N, C-alpha and C. Protein backbone atom coordinates (compact mmCIF):
# COMPACT_ATOMS: atom_id res chain seq x y z
N MET A 1 8.04 -0.85 1.00
CA MET A 1 7.45 0.47 0.96
C MET A 1 6.26 0.45 0.01
N LYS A 2 5.17 1.04 0.43
CA LYS A 2 3.97 1.13 -0.40
C LYS A 2 4.04 2.42 -1.21
N THR A 3 3.91 2.28 -2.53
CA THR A 3 4.09 3.45 -3.41
C THR A 3 2.79 3.93 -4.03
N GLU A 4 1.77 3.09 -4.07
CA GLU A 4 0.49 3.46 -4.67
C GLU A 4 -0.54 2.40 -4.31
N THR A 5 -1.77 2.58 -4.75
CA THR A 5 -2.87 1.70 -4.37
C THR A 5 -2.60 0.24 -4.69
N PHE A 6 -2.12 -0.05 -5.90
CA PHE A 6 -1.89 -1.44 -6.29
C PHE A 6 -0.77 -2.09 -5.49
N SER A 7 0.07 -1.32 -4.82
CA SER A 7 1.17 -1.93 -4.07
C SER A 7 0.69 -2.67 -2.83
N TYR A 8 -0.58 -2.54 -2.50
CA TYR A 8 -1.15 -3.31 -1.39
C TYR A 8 -1.62 -4.69 -1.85
N LEU A 9 -1.55 -4.94 -3.16
CA LEU A 9 -1.92 -6.22 -3.74
C LEU A 9 -0.66 -6.99 -4.11
N PRO A 10 -0.77 -8.27 -4.40
CA PRO A 10 0.40 -8.99 -4.90
C PRO A 10 0.87 -8.35 -6.21
N PRO A 11 2.16 -8.48 -6.54
CA PRO A 11 2.65 -7.88 -7.79
C PRO A 11 1.85 -8.36 -8.99
N MET A 12 1.59 -7.46 -9.93
CA MET A 12 0.85 -7.81 -11.13
C MET A 12 1.73 -8.59 -12.09
N THR A 13 1.11 -9.51 -12.78
CA THR A 13 1.81 -10.24 -13.84
C THR A 13 1.86 -9.34 -15.07
N PRO A 14 2.74 -9.63 -16.03
CA PRO A 14 2.75 -8.84 -17.26
C PRO A 14 1.38 -8.81 -17.94
N ASP A 15 0.64 -9.93 -17.90
CA ASP A 15 -0.68 -9.96 -18.52
C ASP A 15 -1.64 -9.00 -17.80
N GLN A 16 -1.57 -8.93 -16.49
CA GLN A 16 -2.43 -8.02 -15.74
C GLN A 16 -2.08 -6.56 -16.04
N VAL A 17 -0.80 -6.28 -16.19
CA VAL A 17 -0.38 -4.92 -16.55
C VAL A 17 -0.92 -4.58 -17.94
N ARG A 18 -0.84 -5.52 -18.85
CA ARG A 18 -1.36 -5.28 -20.21
C ARG A 18 -2.86 -5.00 -20.18
N LYS A 19 -3.59 -5.66 -19.30
CA LYS A 19 -5.03 -5.39 -19.18
C LYS A 19 -5.27 -3.97 -18.67
N GLN A 20 -4.43 -3.50 -17.76
CA GLN A 20 -4.56 -2.12 -17.29
C GLN A 20 -4.23 -1.14 -18.43
N ILE A 21 -3.24 -1.50 -19.26
CA ILE A 21 -2.90 -0.66 -20.41
C ILE A 21 -4.08 -0.63 -21.38
N HIS A 22 -4.70 -1.77 -21.61
CA HIS A 22 -5.87 -1.81 -22.48
C HIS A 22 -6.98 -0.90 -21.93
N TYR A 23 -7.21 -0.96 -20.63
CA TYR A 23 -8.21 -0.10 -19.98
C TYR A 23 -7.87 1.37 -20.20
N LEU A 24 -6.61 1.71 -20.03
CA LEU A 24 -6.13 3.08 -20.23
C LEU A 24 -6.47 3.54 -21.65
N LEU A 25 -6.14 2.73 -22.64
CA LEU A 25 -6.39 3.09 -24.04
C LEU A 25 -7.89 3.12 -24.35
N ALA A 26 -8.64 2.19 -23.79
CA ALA A 26 -10.09 2.14 -24.03
C ALA A 26 -10.78 3.40 -23.54
N ASN A 27 -10.22 4.04 -22.53
CA ASN A 27 -10.79 5.27 -22.00
C ASN A 27 -10.28 6.52 -22.73
N GLY A 28 -9.38 6.33 -23.69
CA GLY A 28 -8.85 7.45 -24.45
C GLY A 28 -7.82 8.26 -23.68
N TRP A 29 -7.23 7.67 -22.67
CA TRP A 29 -6.23 8.37 -21.87
C TRP A 29 -4.87 8.30 -22.55
N ILE A 30 -3.98 9.17 -22.15
CA ILE A 30 -2.63 9.23 -22.70
C ILE A 30 -1.67 8.58 -21.71
N ALA A 31 -0.86 7.66 -22.21
CA ALA A 31 0.09 6.95 -21.36
C ALA A 31 1.38 7.74 -21.21
N GLY A 32 1.95 7.66 -20.02
CA GLY A 32 3.26 8.24 -19.75
C GLY A 32 4.05 7.25 -18.91
N ILE A 33 5.35 7.20 -19.12
CA ILE A 33 6.20 6.28 -18.37
C ILE A 33 7.24 7.11 -17.62
N GLU A 34 7.41 6.81 -16.34
CA GLU A 34 8.35 7.53 -15.49
C GLU A 34 9.23 6.54 -14.75
N PHE A 35 10.38 7.01 -14.28
CA PHE A 35 11.27 6.15 -13.50
C PHE A 35 11.92 6.96 -12.40
N ALA A 36 12.33 6.26 -11.34
CA ALA A 36 13.00 6.91 -10.20
C ALA A 36 13.84 5.87 -9.46
N PRO A 37 14.99 6.30 -8.93
CA PRO A 37 15.79 5.38 -8.12
C PRO A 37 15.06 5.09 -6.81
N PRO A 38 15.39 3.97 -6.16
CA PRO A 38 14.70 3.64 -4.91
C PRO A 38 14.68 4.76 -3.88
N ALA A 39 15.75 5.52 -3.80
CA ALA A 39 15.81 6.62 -2.83
C ALA A 39 14.86 7.76 -3.19
N GLY A 40 14.40 7.83 -4.45
CA GLY A 40 13.57 8.95 -4.88
C GLY A 40 12.11 8.64 -5.09
N ILE A 41 11.66 7.43 -4.77
CA ILE A 41 10.28 7.09 -5.09
C ILE A 41 9.25 7.83 -4.25
N SER A 42 9.63 8.29 -3.09
CA SER A 42 8.67 9.06 -2.28
C SER A 42 8.65 10.52 -2.71
N ASN A 43 9.54 10.88 -3.60
CA ASN A 43 9.61 12.23 -4.14
C ASN A 43 8.39 12.47 -5.05
N THR A 44 7.92 13.68 -5.10
CA THR A 44 6.78 14.00 -5.94
C THR A 44 7.13 13.88 -7.42
N TYR A 45 8.34 14.19 -7.79
CA TYR A 45 8.72 14.22 -9.19
C TYR A 45 9.59 13.04 -9.58
N TRP A 46 9.12 12.29 -10.56
CA TRP A 46 9.89 11.20 -11.15
C TRP A 46 10.38 11.71 -12.50
N SER A 47 11.38 11.05 -13.05
CA SER A 47 11.90 11.44 -14.36
C SER A 47 11.06 10.81 -15.47
N TRP A 48 10.83 11.57 -16.52
CA TRP A 48 10.09 11.05 -17.66
C TRP A 48 10.96 10.13 -18.48
N TRP A 49 10.36 9.07 -18.98
CA TRP A 49 10.97 8.23 -20.01
C TRP A 49 10.36 8.73 -21.32
N LYS A 50 11.12 9.49 -22.05
CA LYS A 50 10.65 10.11 -23.29
C LYS A 50 9.48 11.04 -22.98
N LEU A 51 8.62 11.28 -23.96
CA LEU A 51 7.45 12.14 -23.78
C LEU A 51 6.21 11.27 -23.59
N PRO A 52 5.10 11.85 -23.14
CA PRO A 52 3.86 11.06 -23.06
C PRO A 52 3.55 10.45 -24.43
N MET A 53 2.92 9.33 -24.42
CA MET A 53 2.68 8.57 -25.65
C MET A 53 1.34 8.96 -26.28
N PHE A 54 1.29 10.15 -26.83
CA PHE A 54 0.06 10.70 -27.41
C PHE A 54 -0.50 9.83 -28.54
N ASN A 55 0.37 9.20 -29.30
CA ASN A 55 -0.07 8.44 -30.48
C ASN A 55 -0.13 6.94 -30.26
N ALA A 56 0.05 6.46 -29.06
CA ALA A 56 0.00 5.02 -28.80
C ALA A 56 -1.42 4.51 -29.01
N ARG A 57 -1.54 3.42 -29.75
CA ARG A 57 -2.85 2.86 -30.05
C ARG A 57 -3.02 1.43 -29.54
N THR A 58 -1.90 0.77 -29.23
CA THR A 58 -1.99 -0.63 -28.80
C THR A 58 -1.23 -0.84 -27.49
N PRO A 59 -1.68 -1.81 -26.69
CA PRO A 59 -0.95 -2.13 -25.46
C PRO A 59 0.50 -2.54 -25.74
N GLU A 60 0.75 -3.17 -26.88
CA GLU A 60 2.10 -3.63 -27.21
C GLU A 60 3.07 -2.46 -27.36
N GLU A 61 2.60 -1.35 -27.94
CA GLU A 61 3.46 -0.17 -28.08
C GLU A 61 3.90 0.34 -26.71
N ILE A 62 2.96 0.43 -25.81
CA ILE A 62 3.25 0.94 -24.47
C ILE A 62 4.11 -0.06 -23.70
N TRP A 63 3.79 -1.35 -23.81
CA TRP A 63 4.57 -2.38 -23.14
C TRP A 63 6.02 -2.35 -23.61
N ALA A 64 6.23 -2.16 -24.91
CA ALA A 64 7.60 -2.11 -25.45
C ALA A 64 8.38 -0.94 -24.84
N GLU A 65 7.74 0.19 -24.62
CA GLU A 65 8.42 1.34 -24.00
C GLU A 65 8.69 1.09 -22.52
N ILE A 66 7.78 0.41 -21.85
CA ILE A 66 8.02 0.04 -20.44
C ILE A 66 9.25 -0.85 -20.35
N GLU A 67 9.33 -1.83 -21.24
CA GLU A 67 10.48 -2.74 -21.25
C GLU A 67 11.78 -2.01 -21.60
N ALA A 68 11.71 -1.05 -22.52
CA ALA A 68 12.90 -0.27 -22.88
C ALA A 68 13.36 0.58 -21.71
N CYS A 69 12.44 1.18 -20.99
CA CYS A 69 12.78 1.98 -19.82
C CYS A 69 13.39 1.09 -18.75
N ARG A 70 12.80 -0.05 -18.54
CA ARG A 70 13.31 -1.00 -17.54
C ARG A 70 14.72 -1.45 -17.90
N ALA A 71 14.98 -1.72 -19.18
CA ALA A 71 16.31 -2.16 -19.61
C ALA A 71 17.34 -1.04 -19.44
N ALA A 72 16.93 0.20 -19.69
CA ALA A 72 17.84 1.33 -19.58
C ALA A 72 18.10 1.73 -18.13
N HIS A 73 17.15 1.43 -17.25
CA HIS A 73 17.25 1.82 -15.83
C HIS A 73 16.90 0.63 -14.94
N PRO A 74 17.71 -0.43 -14.96
CA PRO A 74 17.36 -1.65 -14.21
C PRO A 74 17.35 -1.47 -12.69
N ASP A 75 18.00 -0.44 -12.18
CA ASP A 75 18.03 -0.21 -10.73
C ASP A 75 16.97 0.78 -10.26
N CYS A 76 16.04 1.13 -11.15
CA CYS A 76 15.01 2.12 -10.82
C CYS A 76 13.62 1.50 -10.83
N TYR A 77 12.72 2.17 -10.13
CA TYR A 77 11.31 1.84 -10.22
C TYR A 77 10.79 2.45 -11.51
N VAL A 78 9.82 1.78 -12.13
CA VAL A 78 9.19 2.29 -13.35
C VAL A 78 7.69 2.31 -13.10
N ARG A 79 7.06 3.42 -13.45
CA ARG A 79 5.61 3.48 -13.27
C ARG A 79 4.93 3.97 -14.54
N LEU A 80 3.70 3.55 -14.69
CA LEU A 80 2.86 3.94 -15.81
C LEU A 80 1.83 4.93 -15.29
N THR A 81 1.68 6.02 -16.01
CA THR A 81 0.67 7.02 -15.64
C THR A 81 -0.29 7.20 -16.80
N ALA A 82 -1.49 7.65 -16.50
CA ALA A 82 -2.50 7.91 -17.53
C ALA A 82 -3.06 9.31 -17.30
N TYR A 83 -3.21 10.03 -18.40
CA TYR A 83 -3.71 11.40 -18.35
C TYR A 83 -4.98 11.51 -19.17
N ASP A 84 -5.95 12.19 -18.62
CA ASP A 84 -7.23 12.42 -19.29
C ASP A 84 -7.20 13.82 -19.89
N ARG A 85 -7.33 13.90 -21.21
CA ARG A 85 -7.30 15.20 -21.89
C ARG A 85 -8.45 16.11 -21.45
N SER A 86 -9.64 15.57 -21.31
CA SER A 86 -10.79 16.41 -21.00
C SER A 86 -10.72 16.99 -19.58
N ARG A 87 -10.25 16.20 -18.63
CA ARG A 87 -10.11 16.70 -17.26
C ARG A 87 -8.77 17.37 -17.03
N GLN A 88 -7.85 17.18 -17.97
CA GLN A 88 -6.49 17.71 -17.86
C GLN A 88 -5.88 17.33 -16.51
N ALA A 89 -5.96 16.03 -16.24
CA ALA A 89 -5.48 15.54 -14.96
C ALA A 89 -4.96 14.11 -15.11
N GLN A 90 -4.10 13.72 -14.19
CA GLN A 90 -3.65 12.34 -14.11
C GLN A 90 -4.77 11.53 -13.48
N VAL A 91 -5.14 10.43 -14.13
CA VAL A 91 -6.27 9.63 -13.64
C VAL A 91 -5.87 8.23 -13.19
N MET A 92 -4.63 7.83 -13.49
CA MET A 92 -4.17 6.52 -13.06
C MET A 92 -2.65 6.55 -13.00
N SER A 93 -2.10 5.84 -12.03
CA SER A 93 -0.66 5.74 -11.90
C SER A 93 -0.34 4.52 -11.05
N PHE A 94 0.55 3.67 -11.54
CA PHE A 94 0.97 2.54 -10.74
C PHE A 94 2.33 2.06 -11.18
N VAL A 95 3.04 1.45 -10.25
CA VAL A 95 4.40 0.95 -10.49
C VAL A 95 4.28 -0.36 -11.27
N VAL A 96 5.03 -0.44 -12.37
CA VAL A 96 5.02 -1.66 -13.20
C VAL A 96 6.30 -2.47 -13.06
N TYR A 97 7.31 -1.87 -12.43
CA TYR A 97 8.58 -2.59 -12.21
C TYR A 97 9.23 -2.09 -10.93
N ARG A 98 9.62 -3.05 -10.10
CA ARG A 98 10.39 -2.74 -8.89
C ARG A 98 11.73 -3.43 -8.99
N PRO A 99 12.84 -2.70 -8.73
CA PRO A 99 14.16 -3.34 -8.82
C PRO A 99 14.34 -4.35 -7.68
N ALA A 100 15.27 -5.25 -7.89
CA ALA A 100 15.58 -6.24 -6.85
C ALA A 100 16.02 -5.52 -5.57
N ALA A 101 15.64 -6.06 -4.44
CA ALA A 101 15.93 -5.40 -3.15
C ALA A 101 17.39 -5.37 -2.82
């Protein structure tokens, strides 16, 4: 199942995800982490993993939360979202973890 634009590409490596996180931070966007069970990924609403990361300054901080969400919900999809304060809109979203089929 295709869930977003990047899902048409081969799965990203952890290093490639970190580069996207760096891009997110370089643009001053706010990171958010969400998760959903396989049956709910086509649903508009995913569950939040904690609150948006307003104070995150490094890719490692965000990566650590992605890994914590993945460990807590190993049977769920996990996605990273980015929010732009000035546009008050979501500007990026992609799945960073897919559970085993």
